Amino acid sequence: MGALSLTGCGPAPTTNGAADPSSADGASAPATPGPTDTATASPAATASSSQTPAAEGTTEATPVTSAPAPPAAPAPAAAPAAAQPASQALATTGDGAQAATAFGWGPVLTGDEFSYTGAPDRTKWSVYNSAGHAGKGLRSPQAWSVANGVATVSGDAAGTTGGMSAKFAEQRYGRWETRMKTNARDPKYHPVLILNNNSAPNCAEIDYAEGSSVTSVMRFFLHYACGGADFQTTAATPVDGTQWHNYAVEWTPDGISGYVDGVKTFTDTNPAHQPSTVMKQTVQLDWFPDGSATKPSQMQVDWVRVYK
């Protein structure tokens, strides 16, 4: 995470294990309890070892008794549909390349398509109800809503936001892909998609999409130590985060790779950098206040899918 990390080494969240990014761009440090779209993904970024931390009506003429009825009048044009607010926008799921398709990952094993309305499905997600990153702000269940096939987490001007961790696919190795976007967010609100385990040794964590104060870039962070001169590898990919993008991670015994819209943007094959424990998906919109006013922001997720 550009200056974000999520969990790993920090204490577990008040109600759920949440990962938390840090605020420095270019380095993702272990977090405290609880861390789209240009039409084309940018070229893969080179991973580097980091040393900082959318009725038609028909009108018919009245029949005449002494003559055949005249042809029906042309149907009036349908009125354009009213635009939906960003928080209720229906996701377009057919566009944007997917790593799962490009690399033949096979059928979806589990995940969430958010094809329901209300709060996130509690059989699938543990929704945070705790202090925010570094104890600042609040992670509240009320920050979440699901409608029109999209899960939305909103962050307000006071730092009340949200996060949640998956109850499915807590495992070592696998492939995860998530379709995500934000609004024109405040740079102090960072969207993050993470594979995390708060009990992992060495603050191990895979942040496969992490926004930062640089809103035009999405970062990948692989944490394998809690700090020091060599604790993570990272890559940065330019994206328009206000558009839908597909972010994915592939974790195998041979290494860890990251993808944006089906294009590989990160890889690390060093065995010493492999997490040694199971990990699970987390989704967070984290707040990094700096003393200036905060603009309400949103992060939206169309789906989360797990492959073998």
Protein backbone atom coordinates (compact mmCIF):
# COMPACT_ATOMS: atom_id res chain seq x y z
CA MET A 1 0.00 0.00 0.00
CA GLY A 2 1.42 3.31 -0.94
CA ALA A 3 2.17 4.34 2.46
CA LEU A 4 -0.39 1.86 3.62
CA SER A 5 -0.26 -1.47 5.09
CA LEU A 6 -2.96 -3.16 6.85
CA THR A 7 -2.66 -5.72 9.39
CA GLY A 8 -0.05 -8.10 9.99
CA CYS A 9 1.77 -7.00 13.00
CA GLY A 10 -0.60 -4.68 14.74
CA PRO A 11 -3.07 -5.75 17.45
CA ALA A 12 -6.29 -7.28 16.26
CA PRO A 13 -9.32 -4.97 15.70
CA THR A 14 -11.89 -4.57 18.40
CA THR A 15 -14.31 -6.97 16.73
CA ASN A 16 -12.57 -8.37 13.69
CA GLY A 17 -9.12 -8.82 12.34
CA ALA A 18 -8.58 -5.84 10.11
CA ALA A 19 -5.60 -4.75 8.25
CA ASP A 20 -4.55 -1.18 8.38
CA PRO A 21 -2.39 0.83 6.05
CA SER A 22 -0.03 3.57 7.05
CA SER A 23 0.00 7.05 5.59
CA ALA A 24 3.37 7.36 3.95
CA ASP A 25 3.29 7.02 0.17
CA GLY A 26 5.62 4.45 -1.29
CA ALA A 27 5.81 2.35 1.85
CA SER A 28 3.18 0.30 3.59
CA ALA A 29 3.78 -0.25 7.25
CA PRO A 30 2.02 -2.76 9.50
CA ALA A 31 -1.33 -1.40 10.57
CA THR A 32 -3.09 -1.05 13.83
CA PRO A 33 -6.18 -3.20 14.57
CA GLY A 34 -9.58 -3.48 13.04
CA PRO A 35 -6.02 -2.40 4.52
CA THR A 36 -10.97 2.30 -11.21
CA ASP A 37 -10.77 3.11 -14.42
CA THR A 38 -8.92 3.66 -17.41
CA ALA A 39 -10.13 1.39 -20.15
CA THR A 40 -6.70 -0.12 -20.39
CA ALA A 41 -4.43 -1.19 -17.61
CA SER A 42 -1.06 0.43 -17.62
CA PRO A 43 2.01 -1.58 -18.39
CA ALA A 44 3.12 -3.84 -15.61
CA ALA A 45 5.07 -2.01 -13.01
CA THR A 46 8.37 -3.49 -11.97
CA ALA A 47 8.28 -4.84 -8.44
CA SER A 48 10.99 -3.43 -6.28
CA SER A 49 12.28 -4.21 -2.86
CA SER A 50 11.25 -1.34 -0.61
CA GLN A 51 13.43 0.12 1.99
CA THR A 52 10.90 2.65 3.20
CA PRO A 53 8.73 1.52 5.34
CA ALA A 54 -29.42 1.74 -18.31
CA ALA A 55 -41.33 1.41 -21.84
CA GLU A 56 -42.12 2.00 -24.61
CA GLY A 57 -45.76 3.19 -25.03
CA THR A 58 -48.03 2.66 -28.06
CA THR A 59 -50.85 5.09 -28.95
CA GLU A 60 -53.62 3.74 -31.20
CA ALA A 61 -56.12 5.84 -33.19
CA THR A 62 -59.85 5.39 -32.27
CA PRO A 63 -61.55 2.98 -34.75
CA VAL A 64 -64.04 4.52 -37.27
CA THR A 65 -67.26 2.49 -37.84
CA SER A 66 -67.61 3.28 -41.56
CA ALA A 67 -64.00 2.71 -42.47
CA PRO A 68 -61.05 0.63 -41.32
CA ALA A 69 -59.12 2.04 -38.42
CA PRO A 70 -56.12 4.08 -39.42
CA PRO A 71 -52.67 2.73 -38.62
CA ALA A 72 -51.44 3.15 -35.06
CA ALA A 73 -49.47 6.28 -34.37
CA PRO A 74 -45.74 5.85 -33.84
CA ALA A 75 -44.79 5.02 -30.26
CA PRO A 76 -43.40 8.01 -28.39
CA ALA A 77 -39.74 7.86 -27.51
CA ALA A 78 -39.09 6.62 -24.02
CA ALA A 79 -37.92 9.26 -21.57
CA PRO A 80 -34.27 8.93 -20.61
CA ALA A 81 -33.69 7.17 -17.32
CA ALA A 82 -32.77 9.35 -14.40
CA ALA A 83 -29.15 9.12 -13.44
CA GLN A 84 -28.49 7.15 -10.28
CA PRO A 85 -26.41 8.59 -7.48
CA ALA A 86 -22.91 7.25 -7.27
CA SER A 87 -23.69 5.19 -4.18
CA GLN A 88 -26.46 3.33 -6.00
CA ALA A 89 -24.85 3.12 -9.42
CA LEU A 90 -25.33 -0.24 -11.10
CA ALA A 91 -22.00 -1.81 -11.80
CA THR A 92 -21.12 -2.64 -15.38
CA THR A 93 -19.73 -6.11 -15.00
CA GLY A 94 -19.08 -6.92 -18.66
CA ASP A 95 -16.19 -4.54 -19.30
CA GLY A 96 -12.65 -4.71 -18.04
CA ALA A 97 -10.39 -7.68 -18.53
CA GLN A 98 -10.10 -10.19 -15.71
CA ALA A 99 -7.01 -12.10 -14.70
CA ALA A 100 -9.20 -15.18 -14.09
CA THR A 101 -10.24 -15.18 -17.76
CA ALA A 102 -6.87 -14.21 -19.17
CA PHE A 103 -5.04 -16.94 -17.25
CA GLY A 104 -7.72 -19.68 -17.10
CA TRP A 105 -8.19 -19.85 -13.35
CA GLY A 106 -11.34 -21.98 -13.71
CA PRO A 107 -14.68 -21.76 -11.92
CA VAL A 108 -15.33 -19.47 -8.99
CA LEU A 109 -15.10 -21.45 -5.76
CA THR A 110 -16.59 -18.87 -3.41
CA GLY A 111 -16.92 -15.11 -2.85
CA ASP A 112 -19.71 -12.54 -2.92
CA GLU A 113 -21.56 -11.04 -5.92
CA PHE A 114 -23.52 -8.67 -3.63
CA SER A 115 -26.79 -9.72 -5.31
CA TYR A 116 -28.90 -8.67 -2.32
CA THR A 117 -29.96 -5.48 -0.54
CA GLY A 118 -29.17 -4.09 2.89
CA ALA A 119 -26.07 -4.76 4.93
CA PRO A 120 -23.20 -7.04 3.94
CA ASP A 121 -24.09 -10.73 4.36
CA ARG A 122 -23.01 -11.63 7.90
CA THR A 123 -22.58 -15.26 6.91
CA LYS A 124 -19.85 -14.10 4.54
CA TRP A 125 -18.35 -11.07 6.24
CA SER A 126 -17.23 -9.88 9.64
CA VAL A 127 -17.99 -6.16 9.58
CA TYR A 128 -15.74 -4.00 11.73
CA ASN A 129 -17.08 -2.04 14.67
CA SER A 130 -13.94 -0.52 16.13
CA ALA A 131 -11.58 2.42 16.19
CA GLY A 132 -10.09 3.38 12.86
CA HIS A 133 -6.52 3.09 11.69
CA ALA A 134 -4.07 4.14 14.37
CA GLY A 135 -7.06 4.80 16.65
CA LYS A 136 -8.28 7.69 14.51
CA GLY A 137 -11.91 7.89 13.41
CA LEU A 138 -14.29 4.95 13.59
CA ARG A 139 -14.98 1.82 11.58
CA SER A 140 -18.76 1.48 11.76
CA PRO A 141 -21.13 -1.19 10.36
CA GLN A 142 -23.47 1.69 9.42
CA ALA A 143 -20.90 2.88 6.88
CA TRP A 144 -21.78 -0.12 4.68
CA SER A 145 -24.75 -0.63 2.31
CA VAL A 146 -25.51 -3.11 -0.48
CA ALA A 147 -27.84 -2.29 -3.43
CA ASN A 148 -27.99 -2.85 -7.18
CA GLY A 149 -25.26 -5.46 -7.02
CA VAL A 150 -22.74 -3.17 -5.38
CA ALA A 151 -21.38 -2.94 -1.84
CA THR A 152 -20.58 0.63 -0.83
CA VAL A 153 -18.58 1.84 2.13
CA SER A 154 -18.77 5.56 2.86
CA GLY A 155 -16.35 7.69 4.80
CA ASP A 156 -17.65 10.95 6.26
CA ALA A 157 -16.00 14.26 7.12
CA ALA A 158 -15.35 13.13 10.70
CA GLY A 159 -13.52 9.93 9.81
CA THR A 160 -16.35 7.44 10.30
CA THR A 161 -15.81 4.78 7.68
CA GLY A 162 -15.77 0.99 7.47
CA GLY A 163 -14.09 -2.27 6.72
CA MET A 164 -14.82 -5.99 6.75
CA SER A 165 -13.04 -9.31 6.50
CA ALA A 166 -14.23 -12.46 4.72
CA LYS A 167 -15.40 -15.57 6.53
CA PHE A 168 -14.82 -17.57 3.35
CA ALA A 169 -11.59 -18.83 1.80
CA GLU A 170 -9.30 -18.46 4.78
CA GLN A 171 -6.46 -20.37 3.23
CA ARG A 172 -2.86 -20.57 2.18
CA TYR A 173 -2.48 -20.24 -1.59
CA GLY A 174 -5.18 -19.44 -4.09
CA ARG A 175 -6.36 -16.72 -6.44
CA TRP A 176 -8.53 -13.75 -5.50
CA GLU A 177 -10.02 -11.09 -7.80
CA THR A 178 -12.12 -8.04 -6.88
CA ARG A 179 -13.88 -5.41 -9.01
CA MET A 180 -13.59 -2.06 -7.29
CA LYS A 181 -13.82 1.71 -7.76
CA THR A 182 -14.05 4.89 -5.69
CA ASN A 183 -15.62 8.29 -6.21
CA ALA A 184 -13.35 11.29 -6.64
CA ARG A 185 -12.14 10.56 -3.14
CA ASP A 186 -10.39 12.73 -0.64
CA PRO A 187 -6.67 11.84 -0.65
CA LYS A 188 -6.98 11.14 3.08
CA TYR A 189 -9.30 8.18 2.39
CA HIS A 190 -7.41 5.14 1.13
CA PRO A 191 -9.20 2.12 -0.43
CA VAL A 192 -7.51 -1.20 0.26
CA LEU A 193 -7.93 -4.86 -0.76
CA ILE A 194 -5.83 -7.16 1.39
CA LEU A 195 -5.05 -10.76 2.20
CA ASN A 196 -4.46 -10.64 5.92
CA ASN A 197 -4.09 -12.58 9.12
CA ASN A 198 -3.54 -10.59 12.29
CA SER A 199 -1.69 -13.53 13.81
CA ALA A 200 0.73 -13.93 10.94
CA PRO A 201 4.40 -14.01 11.95
CA ASN A 202 6.60 -11.19 10.76
CA CYS A 203 3.62 -8.93 10.01
CA ALA A 204 3.03 -10.90 6.79
CA GLU A 205 0.39 -9.30 4.57
CA ILE A 206 -0.51 -9.10 0.88
CA ASP A 207 -1.99 -5.73 -0.06
CA TYR A 208 -3.00 -6.38 -3.64
CA ALA A 209 -4.67 -3.02 -4.25
CA GLU A 210 -3.97 -0.07 -2.02
CA GLY A 211 -4.74 3.54 -2.70
CA SER A 212 -2.85 6.38 -1.10
CA SER A 213 -2.81 10.17 -1.10
CA VAL A 214 -1.72 9.88 -4.73
CA THR A 215 -5.17 9.13 -6.14
CA SER A 216 -3.98 8.36 -9.67
CA VAL A 217 -1.99 5.28 -8.62
CA MET A 218 -2.83 1.87 -7.13
CA ARG A 219 -0.11 0.00 -5.31
CA PHE A 220 0.72 -3.60 -4.49
CA PHE A 221 2.60 -4.41 -1.28
CA LEU A 222 3.94 -7.72 -0.09
CA HIS A 223 5.00 -7.43 3.56
CA TYR A 224 7.35 -10.07 4.92
CA ALA A 225 8.82 -8.31 7.96
CA CYS A 226 7.62 -5.80 10.54
CA GLY A 227 10.20 -3.19 9.66
CA GLY A 228 13.86 -2.59 9.07
CA ALA A 229 15.88 -2.05 5.97
CA ASP A 230 14.17 -4.82 3.98
CA PHE A 231 10.53 -5.58 4.88
CA GLN A 232 8.43 -5.40 1.70
CA THR A 233 8.36 -5.49 -2.09
CA THR A 234 6.04 -3.17 -3.93
CA ALA A 235 4.84 -1.97 -7.34
CA ALA A 236 2.76 1.03 -8.46
CA THR A 237 0.31 1.06 -11.38
CA PRO A 238 -1.27 4.26 -12.77
CA VAL A 239 -5.08 3.92 -12.85
CA ASP A 240 -8.18 6.12 -12.82
CA GLY A 241 -9.58 4.86 -9.55
CA THR A 242 -12.99 6.47 -10.19
CA GLN A 243 -13.62 3.82 -12.86
CA TRP A 244 -14.20 0.09 -12.42
CA HIS A 245 -11.05 -2.00 -12.43
CA ASN A 246 -10.35 -5.65 -11.66
CA TYR A 247 -7.60 -6.24 -9.12
CA ALA A 248 -6.25 -9.74 -8.54
CA VAL A 249 -3.61 -11.67 -6.65
CA GLU A 250 -2.28 -15.15 -7.35
CA TRP A 251 -0.51 -16.90 -4.48
CA THR A 252 1.21 -20.21 -5.17
CA PRO A 253 4.19 -22.04 -3.64
CA ASP A 254 6.26 -20.56 -6.46
CA GLY A 255 5.51 -16.94 -5.68
CA ILE A 256 2.99 -14.11 -5.51
CA SER A 257 1.75 -12.09 -8.49
CA GLY A 258 -0.54 -9.07 -8.79
CA TYR A 259 -2.78 -8.05 -11.70
CA VAL A 260 -4.80 -5.03 -12.83
CA ASP A 261 -7.41 -5.68 -15.53
CA GLY A 262 -5.76 -8.95 -16.50
CA VAL A 263 -2.25 -7.50 -16.82
CA LYS A 264 0.48 -8.67 -14.45
CA THR A 265 1.85 -5.72 -12.54
CA PHE A 266 3.76 -7.40 -9.70
CA THR A 267 5.67 -10.59 -8.97
CA ASP A 268 7.85 -11.85 -6.14
CA THR A 269 9.30 -15.37 -6.29
CA ASN A 270 11.57 -15.18 -3.24
CA PRO A 271 10.62 -18.12 -0.95
CA ALA A 272 11.65 -16.10 2.09
CA HIS A 273 8.94 -13.56 1.32
CA GLN A 274 6.10 -16.12 1.41
CA PRO A 275 3.52 -15.80 4.24
CA SER A 276 3.65 -18.90 6.41
CA THR A 277 -0.01 -18.85 7.55
CA VAL A 278 -3.50 -18.82 6.01
CA MET A 279 -4.84 -15.46 4.86
CA LYS A 280 -8.31 -14.05 4.19
CA GLN A 281 -9.77 -11.23 2.10
CA THR A 282 -10.36 -7.85 3.72
CA VAL A 283 -11.97 -4.73 2.22
CA GLN A 284 -11.35 -1.37 3.87
CA LEU A 285 -11.64 2.37 3.31
CA ASP A 286 -9.12 3.80 5.75
CA TRP A 287 -8.79 7.37 7.00
CA PHE A 288 -5.48 9.20 7.35
CA PRO A 289 -6.27 12.67 8.76
CA ASP A 290 -3.71 15.44 8.42
CA GLY A 291 -5.47 18.31 10.18
CA SER A 292 -7.23 19.64 7.07
CA ALA A 293 -10.94 19.24 6.30
CA THR A 294 -11.96 15.86 4.92
CA LYS A 295 -14.30 15.42 1.96
CA PRO A 296 -16.79 12.52 2.28
CA SER A 297 -15.63 9.66 0.08
CA GLN A 298 -16.81 6.25 -1.12
CA MET A 299 -15.37 2.92 -2.12
CA GLN A 300 -17.54 0.45 -4.09
CA VAL A 301 -17.11 -3.27 -4.71
CA ASP A 302 -18.99 -5.09 -7.49
CA TRP A 303 -17.81 -8.57 -6.56
CA VAL A 304 -15.17 -10.59 -4.76
CA ARG A 305 -14.26 -13.98 -6.29
CA VAL A 306 -11.96 -16.74 -5.16
CA TYR A 307 -10.47 -19.35 -7.47
CA LYS A 308 -8.46 -22.49 -6.77
